[in-house]
PDB file of N, CA and C in Angstrom:
ATOM      1  N   MET A   1     253.696-139.121 -48.712  1.00  0.00           N
ATOM      2  CA  MET A   1     253.541-137.842 -49.354  1.00  0.00           C
ATOM      3  C   MET A   1     253.759-137.943 -50.861  1.00  0.00           C
ATOM      4  N   GLU A   2     254.669-138.821 -51.255  1.00  0.00           N
ATOM      5  CA  GLU A   2     254.944-138.990 -52.686  1.00  0.00           C
ATOM      6  C   GLU A   2     253.693-139.492 -53.414  1.00  0.00           C
ATOM      7  N   ALA A   3     252.954-140.388 -52.766  1.00  0.00           N
ATOM      8  CA  ALA A   3     251.734-140.912 -53.392  1.00  0.00           C
ATOM      9  C   ALA A   3     250.715-139.799 -53.599  1.00  0.00           C
ATOM     10  N   LEU A   4     250.619-138.880 -52.643  1.00  0.00           N
ATOM     11  CA  LEU A   4     249.679-137.768 -52.789  1.00  0.00           C
ATOM     12  C   LEU A   4     250.102-136.844 -53.930  1.00  0.00           C
ATOM     13  N   ARG A   5     251.407-136.630 -54.092  1.00  0.00           N
ATOM     14  CA  ARG A   5     251.883-135.792 -55.187  1.00  0.00           C
ATOM     15  C   ARG A   5     251.557-136.406 -56.539  1.00  0.00           C
ATOM     16  N   ARG A   6     251.640-137.743 -56.621  1.00  0.00           N
ATOM     17  CA  ARG A   6     251.347-138.403 -57.896  1.00  0.00           C
ATOM     18  C   ARG A   6     249.859-138.346 -58.216  1.00  0.00           C
ATOM     19  N   LEU A   7     248.988-138.272 -57.182  1.00  0.00           N
ATOM     20  CA  LEU A   7     247.550-138.250 -57.427  1.00  0.00           C
ATOM     21  C   LEU A   7     247.056-136.875 -57.881  1.00  0.00           C
ATOM     22  N   ARG A   8     247.811-135.823 -57.579  1.00  0.00           N
ATOM     23  CA  ARG A   8     247.395-134.483 -57.994  1.00  0.00           C
ATOM     24  C   ARG A   8     247.405-134.368 -59.503  1.00  0.00           C
ATOM     25  N   ARG A   9     246.396-133.718 -60.011  1.00  0.00           N
ATOM     26  CA  ARG A   9     246.310-133.532 -61.456  1.00  0.00           C
ATOM     27  C   ARG A   9     247.074-132.273 -61.843  1.00  0.00           C
ATOM     28  N   PRO A  10     247.768-132.308 -62.956  1.00  0.00           N
ATOM     29  CA  PRO A  10     248.447-131.091 -63.411  1.00  0.00           C
ATOM     30  C   PRO A  10     247.420-130.066 -63.866  1.00  0.00           C
ATOM     31  N   SER A  11     247.799-128.812 -63.842  1.00  0.00           N
ATOM     32  CA  SER A  11     246.878-127.768 -64.284  1.00  0.00           C
ATOM     33  C   SER A  11     246.584-127.964 -65.770  1.00  0.00           C
ATOM     34  N   PRO A  12     245.347-127.676 -66.169  1.00  0.00           N
ATOM     35  CA  PRO A  12     244.988-127.888 -67.587  1.00  0.00           C
ATOM     36  C   PRO A  12     245.792-126.964 -68.502  1.00  0.00           C
ATOM     37  N   LYS A  13     246.078-127.468 -69.691  1.00  0.00           N
ATOM     38  CA  LYS A  13     246.820-126.689 -70.668  1.00  0.00           C
ATOM     39  C   LYS A  13     245.895-125.628 -71.259  1.00  0.00           C
ATOM     40  N   PRO A  14     246.428-124.481 -71.633  1.00  0.00           N
ATOM     41  CA  PRO A  14     245.574-123.459 -72.241  1.00  0.00           C
ATOM     42  C   PRO A  14     245.043-123.936 -73.590  1.00  0.00           C
ATOM     43  N   VAL A  15     243.850-123.487 -73.902  1.00  0.00           N
ATOM     44  CA  VAL A  15     243.199-123.882 -75.144  1.00  0.00           C
ATOM     45  C   VAL A  15     243.841-123.136 -76.313  1.00  0.00           C
ATOM     46  N   ASN A  16     244.145-123.890 -77.365  1.00  0.00           N
ATOM     47  CA  ASN A  16     244.682-123.283 -78.579  1.00  0.00           C
ATOM     48  C   ASN A  16     243.534-122.601 -79.329  1.00  0.00           C
ATOM     49  N   LEU A  17     243.627-121.299 -79.488  1.00  0.00           N
ATOM     50  CA  LEU A  17     242.536-120.540 -80.113  1.00  0.00           C
ATOM     51  C   LEU A  17     242.723-120.364 -81.613  1.00  0.00           C
ATOM     52  N   THR A  18     243.707-121.037 -82.191  1.00  0.00           N
ATOM     53  CA  THR A  18     243.936-120.872 -83.626  1.00  0.00           C
ATOM     54  C   THR A  18     243.874-122.222 -84.350  1.00  0.00           C
ATOM     55  N   PRO A  19     242.755-122.935 -84.282  1.00  0.00           N
ATOM     56  CA  PRO A  19     242.659-124.186 -85.039  1.00  0.00           C
ATOM     57  C   PRO A  19     242.436-123.890 -86.519  1.00  0.00           C
ATOM     58  N   ALA A  20     242.737-124.901 -87.311  1.00  0.00           N
ATOM     59  CA  ALA A  20     242.563-124.744 -88.760  1.00  0.00           C
ATOM     60  C   ALA A  20     241.087-124.719 -89.138  1.00  0.00           C
ATOM     61  N   SER A  21     240.253-125.380 -88.331  1.00  0.00           N
ATOM     62  CA  SER A  21     238.825-125.397 -88.632  1.00  0.00           C
ATOM     63  C   SER A  21     238.031-125.551 -87.337  1.00  0.00           C
ATOM     64  N   THR A  22     236.759-125.313 -87.445  1.00  0.00           N
ATOM     65  CA  THR A  22     235.878-125.480 -86.297  1.00  0.00           C
ATOM     66  C   THR A  22     235.834-126.934 -85.863  1.00  0.00           C
ATOM     67  N   PHE A  23     235.842-127.834 -86.815  1.00  0.00           N
ATOM     68  CA  PHE A  23     235.828-129.259 -86.506  1.00  0.00           C
ATOM     69  C   PHE A  23     237.027-129.644 -85.643  1.00  0.00           C
ATOM     70  N   GLU A  24     238.208-129.156 -85.997  1.00  0.00           N
ATOM     71  CA  GLU A  24     239.410-129.475 -85.227  1.00  0.00           C
ATOM     72  C   GLU A  24     239.320-128.929 -83.809  1.00  0.00           C
ATOM     73  N   ALA A  25     238.760-127.743 -83.655  1.00  0.00           N
ATOM     74  CA  ALA A  25     238.618-127.150 -82.329  1.00  0.00           C
ATOM     75  C   ALA A  25     237.671-127.979 -81.464  1.00  0.00           C
ATOM     76  N   ILE A  26     236.540-128.373 -82.032  1.00  0.00           N
ATOM     77  CA  ILE A  26     235.570-129.178 -81.290  1.00  0.00           C
ATOM     78  C   ILE A  26     236.143-130.552 -80.985  1.00  0.00           C
ATOM     79  N   LEU A  27     236.826-131.140 -81.943  1.00  0.00           N
ATOM     80  CA  LEU A  27     237.429-132.456 -81.744  1.00  0.00           C
ATOM     81  C   LEU A  27     238.476-132.414 -80.629  1.00  0.00           C
ATOM     82  N   GLU A  28     239.322-131.412 -80.635  1.00  0.00           N
ATOM     83  CA  GLU A  28     240.349-131.268 -79.596  1.00  0.00           C
ATOM     84  C   GLU A  28     239.716-131.093 -78.221  1.00  0.00           C
ATOM     85  N   GLU A  29     238.665-130.302 -78.142  1.00  0.00           N
ATOM     86  CA  GLU A  29     237.968-130.085 -76.869  1.00  0.00           C
ATOM     87  C   GLU A  29     237.365-131.388 -76.355  1.00  0.00           C
ATOM     88  N   ARG A  30     236.759-132.151 -77.231  1.00  0.00           N
ATOM     89  CA  ARG A  30     236.160-133.427 -76.826  1.00  0.00           C
ATOM     90  C   ARG A  30     237.222-134.432 -76.398  1.00  0.00           C
ATOM     91  N   ILE A  31     238.343-134.465 -77.096  1.00  0.00           N
ATOM     92  CA  ILE A  31     239.417-135.386 -76.726  1.00  0.00           C
ATOM     93  C   ILE A  31     239.972-135.024 -75.355  1.00  0.00           C
ATOM     94  N   GLN A  32     240.146-133.737 -75.087  1.00  0.00           N
ATOM     95  CA  GLN A  32     240.620-133.311 -73.775  1.00  0.00           C
ATOM     96  C   GLN A  32     239.610-133.684 -72.684  1.00  0.00           C
ATOM     97  N   GLY A  33     238.332-133.546 -72.984  1.00  0.00           N
ATOM     98  CA  GLY A  33     237.298-133.938 -72.023  1.00  0.00           C
ATOM     99  C   GLY A  33     237.333-135.429 -71.738  1.00  0.00           C
ATOM    100  N   LEU A  34     237.511-136.221 -72.790  1.00  0.00           N
ATOM    101  CA  LEU A  34     237.601-137.676 -72.601  1.00  0.00           C
ATOM    102  C   LEU A  34     238.844-138.056 -71.803  1.00  0.00           C
ATOM    103  N   ALA A  35     239.949-137.384 -72.059  1.00  0.00           N
ATOM    104  CA  ALA A  35     241.180-137.662 -71.305  1.00  0.00           C
ATOM    105  C   ALA A  35     240.968-137.344 -69.829  1.00  0.00           C
ATOM    106  N   HIS A  36     240.290-136.256 -69.552  1.00  0.00           N
ATOM    107  CA  HIS A  36     240.005-135.897 -68.158  1.00  0.00           C
ATOM    108  C   HIS A  36     239.106-136.947 -67.496  1.00  0.00           C
ATOM    109  N   GLN A  37     238.104-137.413 -68.224  1.00  0.00           N
ATOM    110  CA  GLN A  37     237.206-138.428 -67.673  1.00  0.00           C
ATOM    111  C   GLN A  37     237.934-139.744 -67.434  1.00  0.00           C
ATOM    112  N   VAL A  38     238.838-140.117 -68.322  1.00  0.00           N
ATOM    113  CA  VAL A  38     239.619-141.346 -68.134  1.00  0.00           C
ATOM    114  C   VAL A  38     240.519-141.216 -66.909  1.00  0.00           C
ATOM    115  N   ASP A  39     241.132-140.052 -66.721  1.00  0.00           N
ATOM    116  CA  ASP A  39     241.966-139.834 -65.537  1.00  0.00           C
ATOM    117  C   ASP A  39     241.136-139.935 -64.260  1.00  0.00           C
ATOM    118  N   GLU A  40     239.946-139.361 -64.284  1.00  0.00           N
ATOM    119  CA  GLU A  40     239.069-139.425 -63.103  1.00  0.00           C
ATOM    120  C   GLU A  40     238.640-140.867 -62.832  1.00  0.00           C
ATOM    121  N   LEU A  41     238.306-141.595 -63.869  1.00  0.00           N
ATOM    122  CA  LEU A  41     237.912-142.988 -63.711  1.00  0.00           C
ATOM    123  C   LEU A  41     239.059-143.820 -63.157  1.00  0.00           C
ATOM    124  N   LYS A  42     240.263-143.561 -63.644  1.00  0.00           N
ATOM    125  CA  LYS A  42     241.443-144.278 -63.178  1.00  0.00           C
ATOM    126  C   LYS A  42     241.678-144.023 -61.693  1.00  0.00           C
ATOM    127  N   SER A  43     241.517-142.782 -61.268  1.00  0.00           N
ATOM    128  CA  SER A  43     241.716-142.479 -59.855  1.00  0.00           C
ATOM    129  C   SER A  43     240.629-143.122 -58.998  1.00  0.00           C
ATOM    130  N   ARG A  44     239.420-143.202 -59.490  1.00  0.00           N
ATOM    131  CA  ARG A  44     238.344-143.861 -58.727  1.00  0.00           C
ATOM    132  C   ARG A  44     238.590-145.369 -58.619  1.00  0.00           C
ATOM    133  N   VAL A  45     239.049-145.981 -59.693  1.00  0.00           N
ATOM    134  CA  VAL A  45     239.355-147.418 -59.652  1.00  0.00           C
ATOM    135  C   VAL A  45     240.502-147.676 -58.681  1.00  0.00           C
ATOM    136  N   ASN A  46     241.526-146.817 -58.710  1.00  0.00           N
ATOM    137  CA  ASN A  46     242.631-146.968 -57.771  1.00  0.00           C
ATOM    138  C   ASN A  46     242.138-146.844 -56.330  1.00  0.00           C
ATOM    139  N   GLY A  47     241.251-145.903 -56.072  1.00  0.00           N
ATOM    140  CA  GLY A  47     240.679-145.753 -54.737  1.00  0.00           C
ATOM    141  C   GLY A  47     239.885-146.979 -54.326  1.00  0.00           C
ATOM    142  N   LEU A  48     239.125-147.535 -55.250  1.00  0.00           N
ATOM    143  CA  LEU A  48     238.343-148.729 -54.955  1.00  0.00           C
ATOM    144  C   LEU A  48     239.244-149.916 -54.656  1.00  0.00           C
ATOM    145  N   VAL A  49     240.307-150.067 -55.415  1.00  0.00           N
ATOM    146  CA  VAL A  49     241.263-151.145 -55.158  1.00  0.00           C
ATOM    147  C   VAL A  49     241.888-150.963 -53.774  1.00  0.00           C
ATOM    148  N   PHE A  50     242.236-149.737 -53.423  1.00  0.00           N
ATOM    149  CA  PHE A  50     242.807-149.453 -52.106  1.00  0.00           C
ATOM    150  C   PHE A  50     241.833-149.847 -51.000  1.00  0.00           C
ATOM    151  N   VAL A  51     240.557-149.531 -51.156  1.00  0.00           N
ATOM    152  CA  VAL A  51     239.550-149.880 -50.141  1.00  0.00           C
ATOM    153  C   VAL A  51     239.409-151.390 -50.028  1.00  0.00           C
ATOM    154  N   VAL A  52     239.365-152.093 -51.135  1.00  0.00           N
ATOM    155  CA  VAL A  52     239.213-153.552 -51.107  1.00  0.00           C
ATOM    156  C   VAL A  52     240.430-154.202 -50.454  1.00  0.00           C
ATOM    157  N   VAL A  53     241.618-153.764 -50.823  1.00  0.00           N
ATOM    158  CA  VAL A  53     242.828-154.336 -50.217  1.00  0.00           C
ATOM    159  C   VAL A  53     242.855-154.029 -48.723  1.00  0.00           C
ATOM    160  N   GLY A  54     242.465-152.836 -48.345  1.00  0.00           N
ATOM    161  CA  GLY A  54     242.398-152.487 -46.925  1.00  0.00           C
ATOM    162  C   GLY A  54     241.422-153.365 -46.171  1.00  0.00           C
ATOM    163  N   ALA A  55     240.256-153.639 -46.750  1.00  0.00           N
ATOM    164  CA  ALA A  55     239.272-154.499 -46.100  1.00  0.00           C
ATOM    165  C   ALA A  55     239.797-155.922 -45.947  1.00  0.00           C
ATOM    166  N   VAL A  56     240.500-156.415 -46.946  1.00  0.00           N
ATOM    167  CA  VAL A  56     241.069-157.760 -46.864  1.00  0.00           C
ATOM    168  C   VAL A  56     242.119-157.825 -45.756  1.00  0.00           C
ATOM    169  N   VAL A  57     242.959-156.811 -45.675  1.00  0.00           N
ATOM    170  CA  VAL A  57     243.986-156.786 -44.627  1.00  0.00           C
ATOM    171  C   VAL A  57     243.329-156.741 -43.251  1.00  0.00           C
ATOM    172  N   VAL A  58     242.300-155.943 -43.098  1.00  0.00           N
ATOM    173  CA  VAL A  58     241.591-155.869 -41.814  1.00  0.00           C
ATOM    174  C   VAL A  58     240.989-157.216 -41.460  1.00  0.00           C
ATOM    175  N   GLN A  59     240.391-157.903 -42.412  1.00  0.00           N
ATOM    176  CA  GLN A  59     239.801-159.215 -42.137  1.00  0.00           C
ATOM    177  C   GLN A  59     240.872-160.224 -41.736  1.00  0.00           C
ATOM    178  N   ILE A  60     242.011-160.173 -42.373  1.00  0.00           N
ATOM    179  CA  ILE A  60     243.099-161.096 -42.019  1.00  0.00           C
ATOM    180  C   ILE A  60     243.589-160.813 -40.608  1.00  0.00           C
ATOM    181  N   VAL A  61     243.795-159.547 -40.287  1.00  0.00           N
ATOM    182  CA  VAL A  61     244.261-159.181 -38.945  1.00  0.00           C
ATOM    183  C   VAL A  61     243.225-159.573 -37.901  1.00  0.00           C
ATOM    184  N   LEU A  62     241.970-159.309 -38.170  1.00  0.00           N
ATOM    185  CA  LEU A  62     240.920-159.690 -37.215  1.00  0.00           C
ATOM    186  C   LEU A  62     240.856-161.204 -37.040  1.00  0.00           C
ATOM    187  N   GLY A  63     241.027-161.935 -38.120  1.00  0.00           N
ATOM    188  CA  GLY A  63     241.028-163.397 -38.036  1.00  0.00           C
ATOM    189  C   GLY A  63     242.204-163.890 -37.195  1.00  0.00           C
ATOM    190  N   LEU A  64     243.362-163.297 -37.349  1.00  0.00           N
ATOM    191  CA  LEU A  64     244.528-163.687 -36.553  1.00  0.00           C
ATOM    192  C   LEU A  64     244.335-163.347 -35.080  1.00  0.00           C
ATOM    193  N   VAL A  65     243.804-162.153 -34.810  1.00  0.00           N
ATOM    194  CA  VAL A  65     243.578-161.742 -33.422  1.00  0.00           C
ATOM    195  C   VAL A  65     242.492-162.607 -32.797  1.00  0.00           C
ATOM    196  N   LYS A  66     241.444-162.861 -33.512  1.00  0.00           N
ATOM    197  CA  LYS A  66     240.344-163.679 -32.995  1.00  0.00           C
ATOM    198  C   LYS A  66     240.838-165.105 -32.733  1.00  0.00           C
ATOM    199  N   GLY A  67     241.654-165.638 -33.620  1.00  0.00           N
ATOM    200  CA  GLY A  67     242.205-166.982 -33.441  1.00  0.00           C
ATOM    201  C   GLY A  67     243.126-167.056 -32.241  1.00  0.00           C
ATOM    202  N   GLN A  68     243.879-166.019 -31.960  1.00  0.00           N
ATOM    203  CA  GLN A  68     244.785-166.014 -30.823  1.00  0.00           C
ATOM    204  C   GLN A  68     244.040-165.877 -29.513  1.00  0.00           C
ATOM    205  N   LEU A  69     242.906-165.167 -29.523  1.00  0.00           N
ATOM    206  CA  LEU A  69     242.150-164.995 -28.293  1.00  0.00           C
ATOM    207  C   LEU A  69     241.503-166.313 -27.839  1.00  0.00           C
ATOM    208  N   TRP A  70     241.160-167.174 -28.776  1.00  0.00           N
ATOM    209  CA  TRP A  70     240.503-168.430 -28.419  1.00  0.00           C
ATOM    210  C   TRP A  70     241.491-169.527 -28.016  1.00  0.00           C
ATOM    211  N   LEU A  71     242.778-169.321 -28.234  1.00  0.00           N
ATOM    212  CA  LEU A  71     243.779-170.329 -27.877  1.00  0.00           C
ATOM    213  C   LEU A  71     244.018-170.333 -26.456  1.00  0.00           C
TER     214      LEU A  71
END
């Protein structure tokens, strides 16, 4: 359960509506978008690593079971 809690994303922060300039507002919005995309990419890579490790474990277990059946 702890792992699931760590995977949940926190609620987005409210947008600051008082930037010093339009450029700063657009820049902040783009940076937040990039941060969100990096977080999503990180979670996908973690999921892919989990699948690969799971497949390796399954192959090892199957190899051990198959080897024991032939003995």
